[in-house]
Amino acid sequence: MPSFSKNEVILVRYPFSDLTAAKVRPAIVVGAPHPSADCFIVPLTSRVEGLLAGEFVLTDWHAAGLNLPSAVKRGLYTIHGSLVLKSVGRLSARDGDRVELSLRSWLGLA
């Protein structure tokens, strides 16, 4: 099973909540490599308007391998590694730090 590293930008096959279909979306790996087949991710979106507290547009989105300006969305998901289609890049240190701050805030760890 492939291992993904913290702040890696990946393409993931997100299943719909009713499991009838799935969409391919970008996400950020937020956990350290682990022997489990699962990894923790935070979703990304190209909808950069109307963001909630802690959500933000990546400063270095193009360098992270993304085709469009992308925002970090509030959410923390556990996915099986088999849902990862490929790695497209890595967050800059600046964007990685902001993701970590947002996670701490969302989880009440700040």
N, C-alpha and C. Protein backbone atom coordinates (compact mmCIF):
# COMPACT_ATOMS: atom_id res chain seq x y z
N MET A 1 0.85 -1.18 0.00
CA MET A 1 0.00 0.00 0.00
C MET A 1 0.89 1.23 0.00
N PRO A 2 0.66 2.17 -0.92
CA PRO A 2 1.48 3.38 -0.94
C PRO A 2 1.30 4.20 0.32
N SER A 3 2.34 4.93 0.67
CA SER A 3 2.31 5.80 1.84
C SER A 3 2.34 7.25 1.37
N PHE A 4 1.53 8.08 2.00
CA PHE A 4 1.46 9.48 1.61
C PHE A 4 1.98 10.32 2.77
N SER A 5 2.62 11.43 2.44
CA SER A 5 3.22 12.26 3.49
C SER A 5 2.41 13.52 3.74
N LYS A 6 2.61 14.06 4.93
CA LYS A 6 1.93 15.27 5.35
C LYS A 6 2.16 16.38 4.34
N ASN A 7 1.11 17.12 4.01
CA ASN A 7 1.09 18.25 3.08
C ASN A 7 1.21 17.85 1.61
N GLU A 8 1.08 16.57 1.33
CA GLU A 8 1.05 16.11 -0.05
C GLU A 8 -0.34 16.40 -0.62
N VAL A 9 -0.40 16.91 -1.84
CA VAL A 9 -1.67 17.17 -2.51
C VAL A 9 -1.97 15.98 -3.41
N ILE A 10 -3.15 15.40 -3.22
CA ILE A 10 -3.53 14.19 -3.93
C ILE A 10 -4.88 14.37 -4.62
N LEU A 11 -5.15 13.50 -5.59
CA LEU A 11 -6.48 13.40 -6.18
C LEU A 11 -7.13 12.17 -5.58
N VAL A 12 -8.36 12.36 -5.09
CA VAL A 12 -9.07 11.31 -4.36
C VAL A 12 -10.42 11.05 -5.01
N ARG A 13 -10.80 9.81 -5.04
CA ARG A 13 -12.15 9.45 -5.49
C ARG A 13 -13.05 9.51 -4.25
N TYR A 14 -13.79 10.62 -4.12
CA TYR A 14 -14.70 10.82 -2.98
C TYR A 14 -16.03 10.12 -3.28
N PRO A 15 -16.42 9.17 -2.47
CA PRO A 15 -17.75 8.58 -2.67
C PRO A 15 -18.83 9.53 -2.16
N PHE A 16 -19.98 9.55 -2.83
CA PHE A 16 -21.13 10.28 -2.32
C PHE A 16 -21.57 9.62 -1.02
N SER A 17 -22.25 10.36 -0.17
CA SER A 17 -22.64 9.82 1.14
C SER A 17 -23.55 8.60 1.01
N ASP A 18 -24.31 8.50 -0.10
CA ASP A 18 -25.17 7.33 -0.27
C ASP A 18 -24.47 6.20 -1.03
N LEU A 19 -23.19 6.42 -1.37
CA LEU A 19 -22.32 5.43 -2.03
C LEU A 19 -22.79 5.02 -3.43
N THR A 20 -23.64 5.85 -4.08
CA THR A 20 -24.13 5.52 -5.42
C THR A 20 -23.15 5.91 -6.51
N ALA A 21 -22.24 6.82 -6.22
CA ALA A 21 -21.28 7.28 -7.21
C ALA A 21 -20.13 7.96 -6.48
N ALA A 22 -19.19 8.47 -7.25
CA ALA A 22 -18.04 9.17 -6.66
C ALA A 22 -17.57 10.26 -7.60
N LYS A 23 -16.85 11.24 -7.05
CA LYS A 23 -16.25 12.30 -7.83
C LYS A 23 -14.76 12.36 -7.49
N VAL A 24 -13.98 12.78 -8.46
CA VAL A 24 -12.55 12.96 -8.22
C VAL A 24 -12.32 14.40 -7.77
N ARG A 25 -11.66 14.55 -6.63
CA ARG A 25 -11.42 15.87 -6.04
C ARG A 25 -10.01 15.92 -5.46
N PRO A 26 -9.42 17.12 -5.38
CA PRO A 26 -8.12 17.24 -4.72
C PRO A 26 -8.28 17.32 -3.21
N ALA A 27 -7.24 16.92 -2.51
CA ALA A 27 -7.23 16.96 -1.05
C ALA A 27 -5.78 17.07 -0.58
N ILE A 28 -5.64 17.39 0.70
CA ILE A 28 -4.32 17.50 1.32
C ILE A 28 -4.20 16.41 2.38
N VAL A 29 -3.10 15.68 2.35
CA VAL A 29 -2.82 14.70 3.39
C VAL A 29 -2.36 15.48 4.62
N VAL A 30 -2.99 15.24 5.77
CA VAL A 30 -2.64 15.99 6.97
C VAL A 30 -2.07 15.11 8.08
N GLY A 31 -1.97 13.83 7.85
CA GLY A 31 -1.39 12.94 8.85
C GLY A 31 -0.03 12.46 8.40
N ALA A 32 0.76 12.03 9.37
CA ALA A 32 2.07 11.45 9.07
C ALA A 32 1.87 10.05 8.48
N PRO A 33 2.86 9.56 7.72
CA PRO A 33 2.75 8.18 7.21
C PRO A 33 2.50 7.20 8.36
N HIS A 34 1.68 6.19 8.09
CA HIS A 34 1.26 5.25 9.12
C HIS A 34 1.10 3.88 8.46
N PRO A 35 1.37 2.82 9.19
CA PRO A 35 1.23 1.49 8.58
C PRO A 35 -0.20 1.13 8.19
N SER A 36 -1.18 1.85 8.70
CA SER A 36 -2.58 1.61 8.33
C SER A 36 -2.78 1.92 6.85
N ALA A 37 -3.78 1.31 6.24
CA ALA A 37 -4.12 1.60 4.84
C ALA A 37 -4.91 2.89 4.71
N ASP A 38 -5.25 3.53 5.83
CA ASP A 38 -6.03 4.76 5.83
C ASP A 38 -5.13 5.97 6.00
N CYS A 39 -5.62 7.13 5.50
CA CYS A 39 -4.90 8.38 5.74
C CYS A 39 -5.92 9.49 6.02
N PHE A 40 -5.46 10.51 6.75
CA PHE A 40 -6.29 11.67 7.06
C PHE A 40 -6.10 12.71 5.98
N ILE A 41 -7.21 13.29 5.52
CA ILE A 41 -7.15 14.32 4.48
C ILE A 41 -8.07 15.48 4.82
N VAL A 42 -7.76 16.63 4.22
CA VAL A 42 -8.60 17.83 4.26
C VAL A 42 -8.96 18.14 2.80
N PRO A 43 -10.22 18.39 2.50
CA PRO A 43 -10.64 18.63 1.12
C PRO A 43 -10.25 20.02 0.61
N LEU A 44 -10.12 20.09 -0.70
CA LEU A 44 -9.89 21.35 -1.40
C LEU A 44 -11.06 21.61 -2.35
N THR A 45 -11.29 22.87 -2.67
CA THR A 45 -12.34 23.24 -3.61
C THR A 45 -11.87 24.41 -4.46
N SER A 46 -12.40 24.50 -5.66
CA SER A 46 -12.12 25.66 -6.52
C SER A 46 -13.11 26.79 -6.25
N ARG A 47 -14.08 26.56 -5.40
CA ARG A 47 -15.02 27.62 -5.01
C ARG A 47 -14.37 28.42 -3.89
N VAL A 48 -13.86 29.58 -4.24
CA VAL A 48 -13.05 30.35 -3.30
C VAL A 48 -13.80 31.53 -2.67
N GLU A 49 -15.10 31.63 -2.92
CA GLU A 49 -15.93 32.68 -2.33
C GLU A 49 -16.72 32.11 -1.16
N GLY A 50 -17.08 32.98 -0.22
CA GLY A 50 -17.95 32.59 0.89
C GLY A 50 -17.33 31.56 1.82
N LEU A 51 -16.04 31.67 2.07
CA LEU A 51 -15.36 30.70 2.91
C LEU A 51 -15.71 30.92 4.39
N LEU A 52 -15.71 29.85 5.15
CA LEU A 52 -16.00 29.88 6.58
C LEU A 52 -14.72 30.12 7.37
N ALA A 53 -14.87 30.34 8.67
CA ALA A 53 -13.71 30.57 9.54
C ALA A 53 -12.73 29.41 9.42
N GLY A 54 -11.47 29.74 9.21
CA GLY A 54 -10.43 28.74 9.08
C GLY A 54 -10.22 28.24 7.67
N GLU A 55 -11.17 28.50 6.78
CA GLU A 55 -11.00 28.14 5.37
C GLU A 55 -10.24 29.26 4.68
N PHE A 56 -9.41 28.92 3.71
CA PHE A 56 -8.62 29.95 3.04
C PHE A 56 -8.16 29.48 1.67
N VAL A 57 -7.86 30.44 0.82
CA VAL A 57 -7.33 30.14 -0.51
C VAL A 57 -5.82 29.90 -0.37
N LEU A 58 -5.36 28.82 -0.95
CA LEU A 58 -3.93 28.53 -0.92
C LEU A 58 -3.17 29.63 -1.64
N THR A 59 -2.10 30.08 -1.03
CA THR A 59 -1.27 31.12 -1.64
C THR A 59 -0.50 30.57 -2.83
N ASP A 60 0.04 29.38 -2.66
CA ASP A 60 0.90 28.79 -3.68
C ASP A 60 0.22 27.59 -4.35
N TRP A 61 -1.03 27.77 -4.76
CA TRP A 61 -1.82 26.68 -5.32
C TRP A 61 -1.21 26.10 -6.58
N HIS A 62 -0.67 26.92 -7.45
CA HIS A 62 -0.12 26.41 -8.71
C HIS A 62 1.13 25.57 -8.45
N ALA A 63 1.98 26.03 -7.56
CA ALA A 63 3.20 25.28 -7.21
C ALA A 63 2.85 23.96 -6.52
N ALA A 64 1.65 23.86 -5.93
CA ALA A 64 1.21 22.63 -5.27
C ALA A 64 0.64 21.62 -6.26
N GLY A 65 0.65 21.97 -7.56
CA GLY A 65 0.18 21.05 -8.59
C GLY A 65 -1.27 21.18 -8.96
N LEU A 66 -1.90 22.27 -8.52
CA LEU A 66 -3.32 22.48 -8.80
C LEU A 66 -3.50 23.36 -10.02
N ASN A 67 -4.56 23.12 -10.77
CA ASN A 67 -4.81 23.85 -12.01
C ASN A 67 -5.57 25.16 -11.81
N LEU A 68 -6.26 25.29 -10.68
CA LEU A 68 -7.09 26.46 -10.40
C LEU A 68 -6.81 26.97 -9.00
N PRO A 69 -7.07 28.25 -8.73
CA PRO A 69 -7.01 28.70 -7.34
C PRO A 69 -7.91 27.79 -6.50
N SER A 70 -7.38 27.34 -5.38
CA SER A 70 -8.10 26.36 -4.56
C SER A 70 -8.10 26.77 -3.10
N ALA A 71 -9.21 26.45 -2.44
CA ALA A 71 -9.37 26.79 -1.02
C ALA A 71 -9.41 25.52 -0.19
N VAL A 72 -8.85 25.63 1.00
CA VAL A 72 -8.94 24.57 2.00
C VAL A 72 -10.33 24.65 2.61
N LYS A 73 -11.04 23.53 2.63
CA LYS A 73 -12.39 23.47 3.19
C LYS A 73 -12.35 22.83 4.57
N ARG A 74 -13.25 23.28 5.43
CA ARG A 74 -13.34 22.73 6.77
C ARG A 74 -13.81 21.29 6.67
N GLY A 75 -12.99 20.39 7.10
CA GLY A 75 -13.33 18.98 7.10
C GLY A 75 -12.09 18.14 7.33
N LEU A 76 -12.27 17.04 7.98
CA LEU A 76 -11.20 16.09 8.22
C LEU A 76 -11.78 14.72 7.93
N TYR A 77 -11.19 14.03 6.97
CA TYR A 77 -11.72 12.74 6.55
C TYR A 77 -10.64 11.68 6.66
N THR A 78 -11.08 10.46 6.90
CA THR A 78 -10.21 9.30 6.84
C THR A 78 -10.60 8.52 5.59
N ILE A 79 -9.64 8.26 4.74
CA ILE A 79 -9.93 7.52 3.51
C ILE A 79 -8.96 6.34 3.40
N HIS A 80 -9.39 5.34 2.70
CA HIS A 80 -8.52 4.21 2.40
C HIS A 80 -7.58 4.62 1.28
N GLY A 81 -6.35 4.22 1.37
CA GLY A 81 -5.36 4.60 0.37
C GLY A 81 -5.72 4.20 -1.05
N SER A 82 -6.56 3.19 -1.21
CA SER A 82 -6.96 2.77 -2.56
C SER A 82 -7.82 3.81 -3.26
N LEU A 83 -8.37 4.79 -2.51
CA LEU A 83 -9.17 5.85 -3.13
C LEU A 83 -8.31 6.96 -3.71
N VAL A 84 -7.02 6.95 -3.41
CA VAL A 84 -6.10 7.96 -3.93
C VAL A 84 -5.71 7.56 -5.35
N LEU A 85 -5.98 8.46 -6.29
CA LEU A 85 -5.66 8.18 -7.68
C LEU A 85 -4.21 8.51 -8.01
N LYS A 86 -3.75 9.67 -7.48
CA LYS A 86 -2.36 10.05 -7.69
C LYS A 86 -2.00 11.25 -6.84
N SER A 87 -0.71 11.45 -6.71
CA SER A 87 -0.18 12.64 -6.04
C SER A 87 0.08 13.68 -7.11
N VAL A 88 -0.28 14.95 -6.81
CA VAL A 88 -0.07 16.01 -7.80
C VAL A 88 0.95 17.04 -7.35
N GLY A 89 1.32 17.03 -6.06
CA GLY A 89 2.29 18.01 -5.59
C GLY A 89 2.33 18.09 -4.07
N ARG A 90 2.93 19.18 -3.58
CA ARG A 90 3.07 19.41 -2.14
C ARG A 90 2.74 20.87 -1.84
N LEU A 91 2.20 21.09 -0.66
CA LEU A 91 1.96 22.46 -0.20
C LEU A 91 3.28 23.15 0.09
N SER A 92 3.29 24.45 -0.07
CA SER A 92 4.43 25.24 0.37
C SER A 92 4.42 25.23 1.90
N ALA A 93 5.55 25.57 2.50
CA ALA A 93 5.63 25.62 3.97
C ALA A 93 4.61 26.60 4.52
N ARG A 94 4.43 27.73 3.84
CA ARG A 94 3.48 28.75 4.30
C ARG A 94 2.05 28.21 4.31
N ASP A 95 1.63 27.55 3.23
CA ASP A 95 0.28 27.00 3.18
C ASP A 95 0.13 25.83 4.15
N GLY A 96 1.17 25.02 4.30
CA GLY A 96 1.13 23.92 5.26
C GLY A 96 0.93 24.41 6.68
N ASP A 97 1.61 25.49 7.03
CA ASP A 97 1.44 26.08 8.37
C ASP A 97 0.01 26.57 8.58
N ARG A 98 -0.58 27.16 7.54
CA ARG A 98 -1.95 27.65 7.66
C ARG A 98 -2.94 26.51 7.81
N VAL A 99 -2.71 25.40 7.11
CA VAL A 99 -3.58 24.23 7.26
C VAL A 99 -3.51 23.73 8.69
N GLU A 100 -2.31 23.65 9.23
CA GLU A 100 -2.16 23.17 10.60
C GLU A 100 -2.89 24.08 11.60
N LEU A 101 -2.77 25.39 11.42
CA LEU A 101 -3.48 26.33 12.30
C LEU A 101 -4.99 26.15 12.19
N SER A 102 -5.47 25.97 10.96
CA SER A 102 -6.91 25.77 10.77
C SER A 102 -7.38 24.49 11.44
N LEU A 103 -6.63 23.41 11.28
CA LEU A 103 -7.00 22.15 11.92
C LEU A 103 -7.07 22.29 13.44
N ARG A 104 -6.07 22.95 14.01
CA ARG A 104 -6.05 23.16 15.46
C ARG A 104 -7.29 23.94 15.90
N SER A 105 -7.64 24.96 15.14
CA SER A 105 -8.81 25.77 15.47
C SER A 105 -10.09 24.93 15.35
N TRP A 106 -10.26 24.22 14.24
CA TRP A 106 -11.47 23.41 14.03
C TRP A 106 -11.65 22.35 15.10
N LEU A 107 -10.53 21.80 15.57
CA LEU A 107 -10.59 20.71 16.56
C LEU A 107 -10.52 21.20 18.00
N GLY A 108 -10.45 22.53 18.17
CA GLY A 108 -10.40 23.09 19.51
C GLY A 108 -9.07 22.87 20.20
N LEU A 109 -8.00 22.78 19.44
CA LEU A 109 -6.66 22.53 20.00
C LEU A 109 -5.80 23.78 20.02
N ALA A 110 -6.37 24.89 19.60
CA ALA A 110 -5.59 26.14 19.52
C ALA A 110 -5.47 26.81 20.87
